[in-house]
Amino acid sequence: MADKNILLDIENLKLSFFTPAGEVKALNDVSLSLKEGEVLGIVGESGSGKSVTAFSLMGLTAHPGKVVGGKTTFNGHVVTDMSEKELRTIRGKEVSIIFQDPMTSLNPVYTIGNQITEVIRLHTGASQKEALKKAEELISLVGINDPKKRLSQYPHELSGGMRQRIMIAIALACEPKLLIADEPTTALDVTIQAQILELMMELKDKLGMSIIMITHDLGVVANMCDRIAVMYAGKVVEYGTAEDIFYNPKHKYTEGLINSIPKLMSEEHEKLVPIDGVPVDMLNPPAGCPFAPRCKECMKICLKKMPPYTDINETHYSACWLLQKESFMGEKGERK
């Protein structure tokens, strides 16, 4: 029986971009779920499929991208079966997204007021006066002073942090059940970054919504995510609670991401440990584990066959042949 608290359920999603050079398998059998009021972090290097996963939830996959398999269910809607007209009824209303760069996401020729009221009027049918009042409340809610003045200003008149807060205000205009934050702190300084993350968590508790946080930085999601999905080459290679991922990582790629984070208590002049090698060519993906060419503990089978998922506990699983080896071998290397 399905869990009634599940807001989002992605089952074996496959998405490809059909280019003149060939098929790019951007998502390869991705499965994820999200409960109401939960925060899910999706982490990985650039090109791992994080943003593509988010865009597919809203039907925003750019041409020539196409879902070629799997099923996505959100709040009772089978998103993968919905038409463009049907998708427009839930975008902004039931699910909203904060894009990476607020400067290019906001329209430079329209005022802040115009851009917020457009969303409100489109989905709620409010009058212009009602929408302006709501917009003013939203600007105040995200911590920007003098909201009435901001309504008449243009994006270039605001700082980077203020533009990012405006993007959050637009995303929250219709009090969505799910907020997708795609690299919401990119190009912001550390102080503003902390303020934005804190603001998102406060609004989550106040509005009771769920959040998907997409980032390449594990440090960003350390204190705010209930669960974390680690993606590599269009596949979830490890999934678990924040405690599972940070204190008991089981995939070598996850370990590499954690080791590349600067440590507060590290010794002076201690060097960061990078992940050697380069990401996989998605036009010609390997037959086996996509991380195998970069893994220091790669075995022959890793190059030939994709590893299955191994359950570490009820909330934690990972796709790595080393875990399969451990399940057949005792602690001293003896076969069980």
Protein backbone atom coordinates (compact mmCIF):
# COMPACT_ATOMS: atom_id res chain seq x y z
CA MET A 1 0.00 0.00 0.00
CA ALA A 2 1.35 3.41 -1.01
CA ASP A 3 2.39 5.85 1.71
CA LYS A 4 -0.18 8.67 1.89
CA ASN A 5 2.54 11.08 3.04
CA ILE A 6 4.51 10.69 -0.20
CA LEU A 7 4.28 13.95 -2.14
CA LEU A 8 6.65 13.07 -4.98
CA ASP A 9 7.50 9.65 -6.36
CA ILE A 10 9.95 9.17 -9.25
CA GLU A 11 10.12 5.61 -10.57
CA ASN A 12 12.89 4.47 -12.95
CA LEU A 13 12.95 7.79 -14.82
CA LYS A 14 14.93 7.81 -18.06
CA LEU A 15 15.48 11.02 -20.00
CA SER A 16 17.62 11.53 -23.11
CA PHE A 17 18.69 14.41 -25.33
CA PHE A 18 18.63 13.41 -28.99
CA THR A 19 21.38 15.46 -30.61
CA PRO A 20 23.00 15.26 -34.08
CA ALA A 21 26.00 13.60 -32.40
CA GLY A 22 23.83 10.90 -30.83
CA GLU A 23 21.67 10.14 -27.79
CA VAL A 24 22.79 11.70 -24.51
CA LYS A 25 21.33 9.66 -21.65
CA ALA A 26 20.99 12.47 -19.12
CA LEU A 27 18.96 10.41 -16.64
CA ASN A 28 19.45 6.66 -16.42
CA ASP A 29 16.88 4.84 -14.27
CA VAL A 30 16.47 7.47 -11.51
CA SER A 31 14.16 6.64 -8.59
CA LEU A 32 13.46 9.06 -5.72
CA SER A 33 10.67 9.85 -3.30
CA LEU A 34 9.84 12.84 -1.12
CA LYS A 35 7.45 13.07 1.82
CA GLU A 36 5.35 16.09 2.76
CA GLY A 37 7.35 18.61 4.80
CA GLU A 38 10.65 16.87 4.02
CA VAL A 39 13.85 18.39 2.59
CA LEU A 40 15.68 16.33 -0.03
CA GLY A 41 19.16 17.28 -1.17
CA ILE A 42 20.38 16.23 -4.63
CA VAL A 43 24.15 16.62 -4.91
CA GLY A 44 26.82 15.86 -7.48
CA GLU A 45 29.22 17.45 -9.93
CA SER A 46 28.09 19.60 -12.84
CA GLY A 47 26.50 17.41 -15.51
CA SER A 48 25.42 14.66 -13.12
CA GLY A 49 21.72 15.16 -13.88
CA LYS A 50 20.58 17.21 -10.87
CA SER A 51 18.93 20.11 -12.72
CA VAL A 52 17.55 17.85 -15.46
CA THR A 53 15.77 15.84 -12.77
CA ALA A 54 14.25 19.04 -11.34
CA PHE A 55 13.16 20.42 -14.71
CA SER A 56 11.53 17.09 -15.63
CA LEU A 57 9.27 17.39 -12.56
CA MET A 58 7.78 20.57 -14.01
CA GLY A 59 7.81 19.52 -17.66
CA LEU A 60 10.52 22.10 -18.42
CA THR A 61 12.94 19.77 -20.19
CA ALA A 62 14.44 21.74 -23.06
CA HIS A 63 14.34 20.50 -26.65
CA PRO A 64 15.71 18.02 -27.79
CA GLY A 65 15.26 16.38 -24.37
CA LYS A 66 12.57 13.75 -23.95
CA VAL A 67 11.42 11.37 -21.21
CA VAL A 68 11.89 7.88 -22.66
CA GLY A 69 10.89 5.77 -19.67
CA GLY A 70 9.68 5.71 -16.09
CA LYS A 71 6.97 7.53 -14.21
CA THR A 72 6.79 10.66 -12.06
CA THR A 73 3.88 11.19 -9.69
CA PHE A 74 3.48 14.50 -7.83
CA ASN A 75 0.61 15.35 -5.47
CA GLY A 76 -1.71 12.93 -7.23
CA HIS A 77 -0.68 14.03 -10.75
CA VAL A 78 1.16 11.67 -13.10
CA VAL A 79 3.49 14.38 -14.43
CA THR A 80 4.98 12.21 -17.20
CA ASP A 81 1.47 11.80 -18.73
CA MET A 82 0.40 15.45 -18.50
CA SER A 83 0.07 17.76 -21.50
CA GLU A 84 1.75 21.17 -21.64
CA LYS A 85 -1.59 22.84 -20.88
CA GLU A 86 -2.11 20.64 -17.82
CA LEU A 87 1.46 21.26 -16.60
CA ARG A 88 0.87 25.02 -16.67
CA THR A 89 -1.89 24.62 -14.07
CA ILE A 90 0.53 23.20 -11.47
CA ARG A 91 3.69 25.23 -12.25
CA GLY A 92 4.01 28.06 -9.77
CA LYS A 93 0.85 26.93 -7.97
CA GLU A 94 1.67 23.46 -6.65
CA VAL A 95 5.37 23.29 -7.48
CA SER A 96 7.77 26.22 -7.92
CA ILE A 97 11.45 26.52 -8.76
CA ILE A 98 14.21 28.96 -7.83
CA PHE A 99 16.62 29.06 -10.75
CA GLN A 100 20.41 29.28 -10.47
CA ASP A 101 21.03 32.85 -11.60
CA PRO A 102 18.52 35.48 -10.41
CA MET A 103 19.96 38.13 -12.76
CA THR A 104 19.10 36.14 -15.88
CA SER A 105 15.92 34.63 -14.42
CA LEU A 106 14.34 38.01 -13.68
CA ASN A 107 13.20 40.03 -16.68
CA PRO A 108 15.31 43.23 -16.81
CA VAL A 109 12.61 45.33 -18.53
CA TYR A 110 9.82 44.68 -16.01
CA THR A 111 9.57 45.96 -12.46
CA ILE A 112 9.74 43.61 -9.49
CA GLY A 113 6.07 44.32 -8.81
CA ASN A 114 5.05 43.31 -12.34
CA GLN A 115 6.93 40.04 -12.14
CA ILE A 116 5.49 38.97 -8.79
CA THR A 117 1.89 40.05 -9.50
CA GLU A 118 1.91 38.21 -12.85
CA VAL A 119 2.29 34.87 -11.06
CA ILE A 120 -0.34 35.72 -8.44
CA ARG A 121 -2.95 36.86 -10.95
CA LEU A 122 -2.30 33.93 -13.30
CA HIS A 123 -2.92 31.24 -10.68
CA THR A 124 -5.35 32.86 -8.23
CA GLY A 125 -7.47 35.19 -10.33
CA ALA A 126 -6.77 38.07 -7.92
CA SER A 127 -7.28 41.68 -8.99
CA GLN A 128 -4.29 43.95 -9.64
CA LYS A 129 -4.82 45.69 -6.29
CA GLU A 130 -5.03 42.38 -4.41
CA ALA A 131 -1.97 41.04 -6.22
CA LEU A 132 0.08 44.14 -5.37
CA LYS A 133 -0.86 43.82 -1.70
CA LYS A 134 0.15 40.13 -1.75
CA ALA A 135 3.42 41.00 -3.53
CA GLU A 136 4.24 43.56 -0.87
CA GLU A 137 3.62 40.97 1.85
CA LEU A 138 5.86 38.45 0.06
CA ILE A 139 8.74 40.93 -0.26
CA SER A 140 8.47 41.63 3.44
CA LEU A 141 8.26 37.88 4.18
CA VAL A 142 11.61 37.19 2.49
CA GLY A 143 13.31 39.87 4.59
CA ILE A 144 13.61 42.83 2.20
CA ASN A 145 13.04 46.26 3.73
CA ASP A 146 10.78 48.97 2.28
CA PRO A 147 8.69 46.50 0.19
CA LYS A 148 6.48 49.21 -1.33
CA LYS A 149 9.54 50.89 -2.87
CA ARG A 150 10.88 47.56 -4.22
CA LEU A 151 7.68 46.96 -6.21
CA SER A 152 8.56 49.83 -8.56
CA GLN A 153 12.26 48.96 -8.89
CA TYR A 154 13.96 46.96 -11.66
CA PRO A 155 16.25 43.91 -11.09
CA HIS A 156 19.44 45.87 -11.84
CA GLU A 157 18.67 48.23 -8.94
CA LEU A 158 18.90 45.37 -6.41
CA SER A 159 21.91 43.53 -5.02
CA GLY A 160 22.56 39.83 -5.76
CA GLY A 161 21.19 38.75 -2.41
CA MET A 162 18.05 40.85 -2.82
CA ARG A 163 17.45 39.48 -6.33
CA GLN A 164 17.73 35.95 -4.95
CA ARG A 165 15.18 36.82 -2.25
CA ILE A 166 12.85 38.21 -4.95
CA MET A 167 13.17 34.88 -6.80
CA ILE A 168 12.14 33.11 -3.59
CA ALA A 169 9.20 35.51 -3.20
CA ILE A 170 8.01 34.73 -6.75
CA ALA A 171 8.38 30.99 -6.10
CA LEU A 172 6.32 31.29 -2.91
CA ALA A 173 3.63 33.54 -4.42
CA CYS A 174 1.00 30.78 -4.53
CA GLU A 175 2.23 28.84 -1.49
CA PRO A 176 3.33 25.70 -3.39
CA LYS A 177 3.52 22.25 -1.83
CA LEU A 178 7.00 21.74 -3.29
CA LEU A 179 9.82 24.26 -3.74
CA ILE A 180 12.74 23.26 -5.96
CA ALA A 181 15.89 25.27 -5.23
CA ASP A 182 18.39 24.85 -8.07
CA GLU A 183 21.75 26.12 -6.77
CA PRO A 184 19.99 28.97 -4.91
CA THR A 185 23.20 30.35 -3.40
CA THR A 186 25.38 30.43 -6.54
CA ALA A 187 27.61 33.54 -6.76
CA LEU A 188 26.51 34.80 -3.33
CA ASP A 189 29.00 35.53 -0.57
CA VAL A 190 29.10 33.24 2.47
CA THR A 191 27.11 35.56 4.74
CA ILE A 192 24.26 36.04 2.24
CA GLN A 193 24.36 32.32 1.42
CA ALA A 194 23.72 31.45 5.07
CA GLN A 195 20.88 33.99 5.25
CA ILE A 196 19.18 32.56 2.14
CA LEU A 197 19.38 28.97 3.44
CA GLU A 198 18.09 30.01 6.85
CA LEU A 199 15.24 31.93 5.21
CA MET A 200 14.22 28.89 3.15
CA MET A 201 14.06 26.69 6.25
CA GLU A 202 11.99 29.29 8.15
CA LEU A 203 9.54 29.54 5.25
CA LYS A 204 9.35 25.74 4.98
CA ASP A 205 8.24 25.49 8.60
CA LYS A 206 5.87 28.45 8.28
CA LEU A 207 4.18 27.25 5.08
CA GLY A 208 4.54 23.48 5.62
CA MET A 209 6.03 22.85 2.18
CA SER A 210 8.63 20.34 0.99
CA ILE A 211 11.96 21.37 -0.54
CA ILE A 212 14.32 19.81 -3.08
CA MET A 213 17.74 21.40 -2.71
CA ILE A 214 20.00 20.95 -5.74
CA THR A 215 23.69 21.71 -5.29
CA HIS A 216 27.21 20.46 -5.99
CA ASP A 217 28.27 21.41 -2.47
CA LEU A 218 27.63 18.84 0.26
CA GLY A 219 28.43 21.48 2.86
CA VAL A 220 25.34 23.49 1.85
CA VAL A 221 22.95 20.61 2.55
CA ALA A 222 24.64 19.33 5.73
CA ASN A 223 22.28 20.99 8.21
CA MET A 224 19.09 21.43 6.23
CA CYS A 225 18.34 18.13 4.46
CA ASP A 226 16.49 15.14 5.90
CA ARG A 227 17.66 12.90 3.06
CA ILE A 228 20.36 13.20 0.41
CA ALA A 229 20.63 11.66 -3.06
CA VAL A 230 24.11 11.60 -4.57
CA MET A 231 24.00 11.63 -8.38
CA TYR A 232 26.69 10.77 -10.90
CA ALA A 233 26.35 10.43 -14.69
CA GLY A 234 22.55 10.55 -14.59
CA LYS A 235 22.18 7.92 -11.89
CA VAL A 236 21.60 7.98 -8.11
CA VAL A 237 24.72 6.22 -6.80
CA GLU A 238 23.91 6.64 -3.10
CA TYR A 239 20.85 7.62 -1.10
CA GLY A 240 20.29 8.00 2.63
CA THR A 241 19.65 10.31 5.54
CA ALA A 242 22.08 13.19 6.12
CA GLU A 243 23.60 11.19 8.96
CA ASP A 244 24.04 8.13 6.70
CA ILE A 245 25.75 10.12 3.96
CA PHE A 246 28.08 12.20 6.12
CA TYR A 247 29.01 9.65 8.77
CA ASN A 248 28.78 6.38 6.86
CA PRO A 249 29.32 7.02 3.11
CA LYS A 250 29.43 3.81 1.11
CA HIS A 251 30.18 4.95 -2.43
CA LYS A 252 33.66 6.11 -3.41
CA TYR A 253 32.19 9.08 -5.26
CA THR A 254 30.37 10.22 -2.11
CA GLU A 255 33.61 9.85 -0.14
CA GLY A 256 35.37 11.95 -2.78
CA LEU A 257 32.80 14.75 -2.50
CA ILE A 258 33.07 14.78 1.30
CA ASN A 259 36.90 14.77 1.21
CA SER A 260 36.90 17.76 -1.16
CA ILE A 261 35.11 19.96 1.41
CA PRO A 262 37.44 22.29 3.39
CA LYS A 263 37.51 21.21 7.03
CA LEU A 264 37.16 23.81 9.76
CA MET A 265 39.52 21.97 12.15
CA SER A 266 42.11 21.04 9.51
CA GLU A 267 45.79 21.67 10.04
CA GLU A 268 47.39 24.77 8.54
CA HIS A 269 48.21 24.49 4.81
CA GLU A 270 46.39 21.13 4.53
CA LYS A 271 45.57 20.48 0.87
CA LEU A 272 42.12 19.60 -0.42
CA VAL A 273 41.74 16.12 -1.90
CA PRO A 274 40.29 16.35 -5.43
CA ILE A 275 38.52 13.55 -7.29
CA ASP A 276 40.94 12.46 -10.00
CA GLY A 277 39.85 12.11 -13.61
CA VAL A 278 37.04 13.71 -15.58
CA PRO A 279 33.27 13.11 -15.70
CA VAL A 280 31.86 10.47 -18.03
CA ASP A 281 31.13 11.23 -21.70
CA MET A 282 27.36 10.80 -21.69
CA LEU A 283 27.33 10.20 -25.46
CA ASN A 284 29.43 7.09 -24.90
CA PRO A 285 28.79 5.94 -21.31
CA PRO A 286 30.73 2.92 -20.03
CA ALA A 287 29.07 -0.50 -19.85
CA GLY A 288 29.75 -0.82 -16.13
CA CYS A 289 29.80 1.59 -13.21
CA PRO A 290 30.10 5.16 -14.57
CA PHE A 291 32.50 6.09 -11.75
CA ALA A 292 34.82 3.11 -12.37
CA PRO A 293 37.43 5.01 -14.48
CA ARG A 294 37.95 7.45 -11.57
CA CYS A 295 37.72 4.96 -8.70
CA LYS A 296 40.95 3.93 -6.97
CA GLU A 297 39.39 0.62 -5.91
CA CYS A 298 37.99 -0.29 -9.32
CA MET A 299 37.65 -4.04 -10.02
CA LYS A 300 37.24 -5.83 -13.37
CA ILE A 301 33.50 -6.29 -12.90
CA CYS A 302 33.12 -2.52 -12.30
CA LEU A 303 34.16 -1.88 -15.91
CA LYS A 304 31.85 -4.51 -17.37
CA LYS A 305 28.56 -4.41 -15.48
CA MET A 306 26.41 -1.80 -13.70
CA PRO A 307 26.30 -2.56 -9.96
CA PRO A 308 22.91 -3.24 -8.33
CA TYR A 309 21.73 -1.30 -5.29
CA THR A 310 22.79 -2.69 -1.94
CA ASP A 311 20.75 -1.86 1.17
CA ILE A 312 22.96 -0.75 4.07
CA ASN A 313 19.93 -0.16 6.32
CA GLU A 314 16.27 0.78 5.94
CA THR A 315 17.05 4.34 4.84
CA HIS A 316 20.43 3.93 3.16
CA TYR A 317 21.44 2.23 -0.10
CA SER A 318 24.25 2.52 -2.64
CA ALA A 319 25.22 1.15 -6.06
CA CYS A 320 28.78 -0.20 -5.71
CA TRP A 321 30.33 -3.60 -6.44
CA LEU A 322 32.52 -3.24 -3.34
CA LEU A 323 29.37 -3.53 -1.22
CA GLN A 324 28.39 -6.69 -3.08
CA LYS A 325 31.85 -8.06 -2.34
CA GLU A 326 31.45 -7.23 1.36
CA SER A 327 28.13 -9.07 1.50
CA PHE A 328 29.79 -12.28 0.32
CA MET A 329 32.98 -11.95 2.35
CA GLY A 330 33.49 -12.04 6.11
CA GLU A 331 35.35 -9.36 8.03
CA LYS A 332 38.67 -11.23 7.62
CA GLY A 333 38.21 -11.74 3.89
CA GLU A 334 36.69 -15.23 4.23
CA ARG A 335 33.69 -16.08 2.10
CA LYS A 336 30.46 -16.26 4.06
